[in-house]
């Protein structure tokens, strides 16, 4: 990833290269766009997983037992269990 500081940019070879203000603004704008795009994709992925019944967290990273999620997703009151698109 590029690192921008004080009118210089650090490339992959750890060399500092001078850049213009316009180029700096363009790079920062592109980085912000990429960040927002990543956040939107992560949100869409979370919704998709929720619809498929996949836990939205890494089961290994949490201390909660998997049965807590299973109990929450097997509620028959809504009547949507097992329906396909």
N, C-alpha and C. Protein backbone atom coordinates (compact mmCIF):
# COMPACT_ATOMS: atom_id res chain seq x y z
N UNK A 1 0.83 -1.17 0.00
CA UNK A 1 0.00 0.00 0.00
C UNK A 1 0.88 1.24 0.00
N UNK A 2 0.38 2.26 -0.65
CA UNK A 2 1.16 3.48 -0.74
C UNK A 2 1.01 4.31 0.53
N UNK A 3 2.07 4.93 0.93
CA UNK A 3 2.06 5.77 2.11
C UNK A 3 2.38 7.19 1.65
N UNK A 4 1.49 8.14 1.98
CA UNK A 4 1.66 9.52 1.53
C UNK A 4 1.96 10.39 2.75
N UNK A 5 3.02 11.21 2.64
CA UNK A 5 3.36 12.09 3.75
C UNK A 5 4.23 13.23 3.24
N UNK A 6 3.85 14.45 3.58
CA UNK A 6 4.65 15.65 3.29
C UNK A 6 5.06 15.78 1.82
N UNK A 7 4.12 15.52 0.90
CA UNK A 7 4.41 15.68 -0.51
C UNK A 7 5.24 14.58 -1.12
N UNK A 8 5.45 13.51 -0.38
CA UNK A 8 6.19 12.37 -0.89
C UNK A 8 5.31 11.13 -0.80
N UNK A 9 5.61 10.19 -1.65
CA UNK A 9 4.91 8.91 -1.61
C UNK A 9 5.98 7.83 -1.50
N UNK A 10 5.69 6.82 -0.70
CA UNK A 10 6.63 5.71 -0.53
C UNK A 10 6.13 4.56 -1.38
N UNK A 11 6.95 4.10 -2.29
CA UNK A 11 6.54 3.01 -3.17
C UNK A 11 6.86 1.66 -2.54
N UNK A 12 6.64 0.60 -3.30
CA UNK A 12 6.85 -0.75 -2.79
C UNK A 12 8.30 -1.03 -2.41
N UNK A 13 9.23 -0.32 -3.03
CA UNK A 13 10.66 -0.51 -2.74
C UNK A 13 11.14 0.36 -1.60
N UNK A 14 10.20 0.97 -0.87
CA UNK A 14 10.50 1.84 0.28
C UNK A 14 11.28 3.09 -0.13
N UNK A 15 11.12 3.52 -1.38
CA UNK A 15 11.77 4.74 -1.86
C UNK A 15 10.77 5.89 -1.78
N UNK A 16 11.24 7.04 -1.34
CA UNK A 16 10.38 8.22 -1.29
C UNK A 16 10.43 8.95 -2.63
N UNK A 17 9.26 9.20 -3.20
CA UNK A 17 9.17 9.87 -4.49
C UNK A 17 8.31 11.12 -4.32
N UNK A 18 8.79 12.26 -4.82
CA UNK A 18 8.04 13.50 -4.71
C UNK A 18 6.86 13.46 -5.69
N UNK A 19 5.69 13.93 -5.20
CA UNK A 19 4.51 13.98 -6.06
C UNK A 19 3.89 15.37 -5.98
N UNK A 20 3.12 15.72 -6.98
CA UNK A 20 2.46 17.02 -7.00
C UNK A 20 1.22 16.99 -6.10
N UNK A 21 0.69 18.17 -5.79
CA UNK A 21 -0.51 18.25 -4.96
C UNK A 21 -1.70 17.58 -5.64
N UNK A 22 -1.81 17.78 -6.95
CA UNK A 22 -2.93 17.18 -7.68
C UNK A 22 -2.86 15.66 -7.64
N UNK A 23 -1.65 15.14 -7.82
CA UNK A 23 -1.46 13.69 -7.77
C UNK A 23 -1.75 13.18 -6.36
N UNK A 24 -1.33 13.92 -5.36
CA UNK A 24 -1.58 13.53 -3.96
C UNK A 24 -3.08 13.50 -3.69
N UNK A 25 -3.80 14.53 -4.14
CA UNK A 25 -5.26 14.57 -3.95
C UNK A 25 -5.93 13.41 -4.66
N UNK A 26 -5.47 13.12 -5.88
CA UNK A 26 -6.07 12.02 -6.64
C UNK A 26 -5.86 10.68 -5.95
N UNK A 27 -4.66 10.46 -5.43
CA UNK A 27 -4.35 9.21 -4.75
C UNK A 27 -5.18 9.07 -3.48
N UNK A 28 -5.29 10.15 -2.71
CA UNK A 28 -6.08 10.11 -1.47
C UNK A 28 -7.54 9.85 -1.79
N UNK A 29 -8.06 10.50 -2.84
CA UNK A 29 -9.44 10.29 -3.24
C UNK A 29 -9.67 8.83 -3.64
N UNK A 30 -8.73 8.26 -4.38
CA UNK A 30 -8.84 6.86 -4.79
C UNK A 30 -8.80 5.93 -3.59
N UNK A 31 -7.96 6.24 -2.61
CA UNK A 31 -7.88 5.42 -1.41
C UNK A 31 -9.18 5.48 -0.62
N UNK A 32 -9.79 6.67 -0.53
CA UNK A 32 -11.08 6.80 0.16
C UNK A 32 -12.16 6.02 -0.57
N UNK A 33 -12.18 6.09 -1.89
CA UNK A 33 -13.17 5.35 -2.67
C UNK A 33 -13.00 3.85 -2.43
N UNK A 34 -11.75 3.38 -2.46
CA UNK A 34 -11.49 1.96 -2.24
C UNK A 34 -11.95 1.53 -0.85
N UNK A 35 -11.73 2.38 0.16
CA UNK A 35 -12.16 2.06 1.52
C UNK A 35 -13.67 1.94 1.59
N UNK A 36 -14.39 2.88 0.98
CA UNK A 36 -15.84 2.83 1.03
C UNK A 36 -16.37 1.64 0.24
N UNK A 37 -15.70 1.31 -0.85
CA UNK A 37 -16.11 0.15 -1.64
C UNK A 37 -15.94 -1.14 -0.83
N UNK A 38 -14.83 -1.24 -0.12
CA UNK A 38 -14.58 -2.42 0.71
C UNK A 38 -15.64 -2.53 1.80
N UNK A 39 -16.01 -1.41 2.43
CA UNK A 39 -17.03 -1.44 3.47
C UNK A 39 -18.38 -1.87 2.91
N UNK A 40 -18.73 -1.38 1.72
CA UNK A 40 -20.00 -1.78 1.10
C UNK A 40 -20.00 -3.27 0.77
N UNK A 41 -18.88 -3.78 0.26
CA UNK A 41 -18.80 -5.20 -0.07
C UNK A 41 -18.88 -6.07 1.19
N UNK A 42 -18.24 -5.62 2.27
CA UNK A 42 -18.31 -6.37 3.52
C UNK A 42 -19.74 -6.40 4.06
N UNK A 43 -20.46 -5.28 3.94
CA UNK A 43 -21.86 -5.23 4.39
C UNK A 43 -22.73 -6.16 3.55
N UNK A 44 -22.52 -6.13 2.22
CA UNK A 44 -23.29 -7.02 1.34
C UNK A 44 -22.98 -8.48 1.66
N UNK A 45 -21.74 -8.79 1.93
CA UNK A 45 -21.33 -10.15 2.27
C UNK A 45 -21.99 -10.60 3.57
N UNK A 46 -22.05 -9.71 4.56
CA UNK A 46 -22.67 -10.04 5.84
C UNK A 46 -24.16 -10.32 5.66
N UNK A 47 -24.83 -9.52 4.86
CA UNK A 47 -26.26 -9.74 4.60
C UNK A 47 -26.46 -11.07 3.88
N UNK A 48 -25.63 -11.35 2.91
CA UNK A 48 -25.74 -12.60 2.16
C UNK A 48 -25.54 -13.80 3.09
N UNK A 49 -24.54 -13.73 3.95
CA UNK A 49 -24.30 -14.82 4.90
C UNK A 49 -25.48 -14.98 5.84
N UNK A 50 -26.06 -13.86 6.27
CA UNK A 50 -27.20 -13.91 7.18
C UNK A 50 -28.37 -14.63 6.50
N UNK A 51 -28.60 -14.33 5.23
CA UNK A 51 -29.69 -14.98 4.50
C UNK A 51 -29.45 -16.48 4.32
N UNK A 52 -28.20 -16.87 4.20
CA UNK A 52 -27.86 -18.29 4.05
C UNK A 52 -27.82 -19.02 5.38
N UNK A 53 -27.85 -18.27 6.48
CA UNK A 53 -27.79 -18.89 7.79
C UNK A 53 -26.40 -19.15 8.29
N UNK A 54 -25.42 -18.50 7.69
CA UNK A 54 -24.02 -18.64 8.11
C UNK A 54 -23.75 -17.61 9.20
N UNK A 55 -23.12 -18.01 10.31
CA UNK A 55 -22.85 -17.04 11.37
C UNK A 55 -22.03 -15.86 10.86
N UNK A 56 -22.36 -14.64 11.29
CA UNK A 56 -21.64 -13.45 10.81
C UNK A 56 -20.30 -13.24 11.51
N UNK A 57 -19.85 -14.22 12.27
CA UNK A 57 -18.58 -14.09 12.98
C UNK A 57 -17.79 -15.38 12.82
N UNK A 58 -16.53 -15.29 13.11
CA UNK A 58 -15.67 -16.46 13.07
C UNK A 58 -15.87 -17.23 14.37
N UNK A 59 -16.39 -18.42 14.28
CA UNK A 59 -16.72 -19.19 15.48
C UNK A 59 -15.47 -19.46 16.32
N UNK A 60 -14.32 -19.57 15.70
CA UNK A 60 -13.10 -19.84 16.45
C UNK A 60 -12.65 -18.61 17.24
N UNK A 61 -13.00 -17.41 16.76
CA UNK A 61 -12.54 -16.19 17.39
C UNK A 61 -13.41 -15.79 18.58
N UNK A 62 -14.60 -16.36 18.69
CA UNK A 62 -15.51 -15.98 19.78
C UNK A 62 -15.52 -17.04 20.85
N UNK A 63 -15.95 -16.65 22.03
CA UNK A 63 -16.03 -17.58 23.14
C UNK A 63 -17.42 -18.19 23.26
N UNK A 64 -18.38 -17.67 22.46
CA UNK A 64 -19.74 -18.19 22.53
C UNK A 64 -19.80 -19.55 21.85
N UNK A 65 -20.57 -20.47 22.43
CA UNK A 65 -20.73 -21.76 21.77
C UNK A 65 -21.57 -21.62 20.50
N UNK A 66 -21.32 -22.49 19.56
CA UNK A 66 -22.06 -22.44 18.29
C UNK A 66 -23.54 -22.72 18.50
N UNK A 67 -23.90 -23.40 19.60
CA UNK A 67 -25.31 -23.73 19.85
C UNK A 67 -26.14 -22.47 20.08
N UNK A 68 -25.54 -21.39 20.56
CA UNK A 68 -26.27 -20.15 20.76
C UNK A 68 -26.76 -19.63 19.41
N UNK A 69 -25.91 -19.67 18.40
CA UNK A 69 -26.32 -19.23 17.08
C UNK A 69 -27.34 -20.19 16.49
N UNK A 70 -27.14 -21.49 16.69
CA UNK A 70 -28.06 -22.49 16.15
C UNK A 70 -29.45 -22.30 16.73
N UNK A 71 -29.54 -22.01 18.03
CA UNK A 71 -30.84 -21.79 18.65
C UNK A 71 -31.53 -20.56 18.07
N UNK A 72 -30.75 -19.54 17.81
CA UNK A 72 -31.33 -18.30 17.28
C UNK A 72 -31.80 -18.46 15.84
N UNK A 73 -31.18 -19.35 15.09
CA UNK A 73 -31.54 -19.49 13.67
C UNK A 73 -32.56 -20.58 13.40
N UNK A 74 -32.87 -21.41 14.40
CA UNK A 74 -33.84 -22.49 14.18
C UNK A 74 -35.19 -22.16 14.78
N UNK A 75 -35.49 -20.91 14.97
CA UNK A 75 -36.78 -20.48 15.49
C UNK A 75 -37.84 -20.75 14.43
N UNK A 76 -38.82 -21.61 14.75
CA UNK A 76 -39.84 -22.01 13.78
C UNK A 76 -40.99 -21.02 13.71
N UNK A 77 -41.02 -20.01 14.56
CA UNK A 77 -42.15 -19.10 14.60
C UNK A 77 -42.30 -18.28 13.34
N UNK A 78 -41.23 -18.02 12.64
CA UNK A 78 -41.31 -17.22 11.42
C UNK A 78 -41.72 -18.03 10.21
N UNK A 79 -41.52 -19.33 10.22
CA UNK A 79 -41.94 -20.19 9.13
C UNK A 79 -41.13 -20.04 7.86
N UNK A 80 -39.94 -19.51 7.93
CA UNK A 80 -39.13 -19.30 6.74
C UNK A 80 -38.01 -20.31 6.64
N UNK A 81 -37.91 -21.20 7.57
CA UNK A 81 -36.83 -22.17 7.58
C UNK A 81 -36.98 -23.13 6.40
N UNK A 82 -35.94 -23.32 5.63
CA UNK A 82 -35.94 -24.27 4.54
C UNK A 82 -36.49 -23.74 3.23
N UNK A 83 -36.91 -22.52 3.19
CA UNK A 83 -37.41 -21.97 1.93
C UNK A 83 -36.25 -21.61 1.03
N UNK A 84 -36.42 -21.81 -0.27
CA UNK A 84 -35.38 -21.46 -1.23
C UNK A 84 -35.77 -20.24 -2.04
N UNK A 85 -34.80 -19.67 -2.74
CA UNK A 85 -35.09 -18.50 -3.57
C UNK A 85 -35.56 -18.91 -4.94
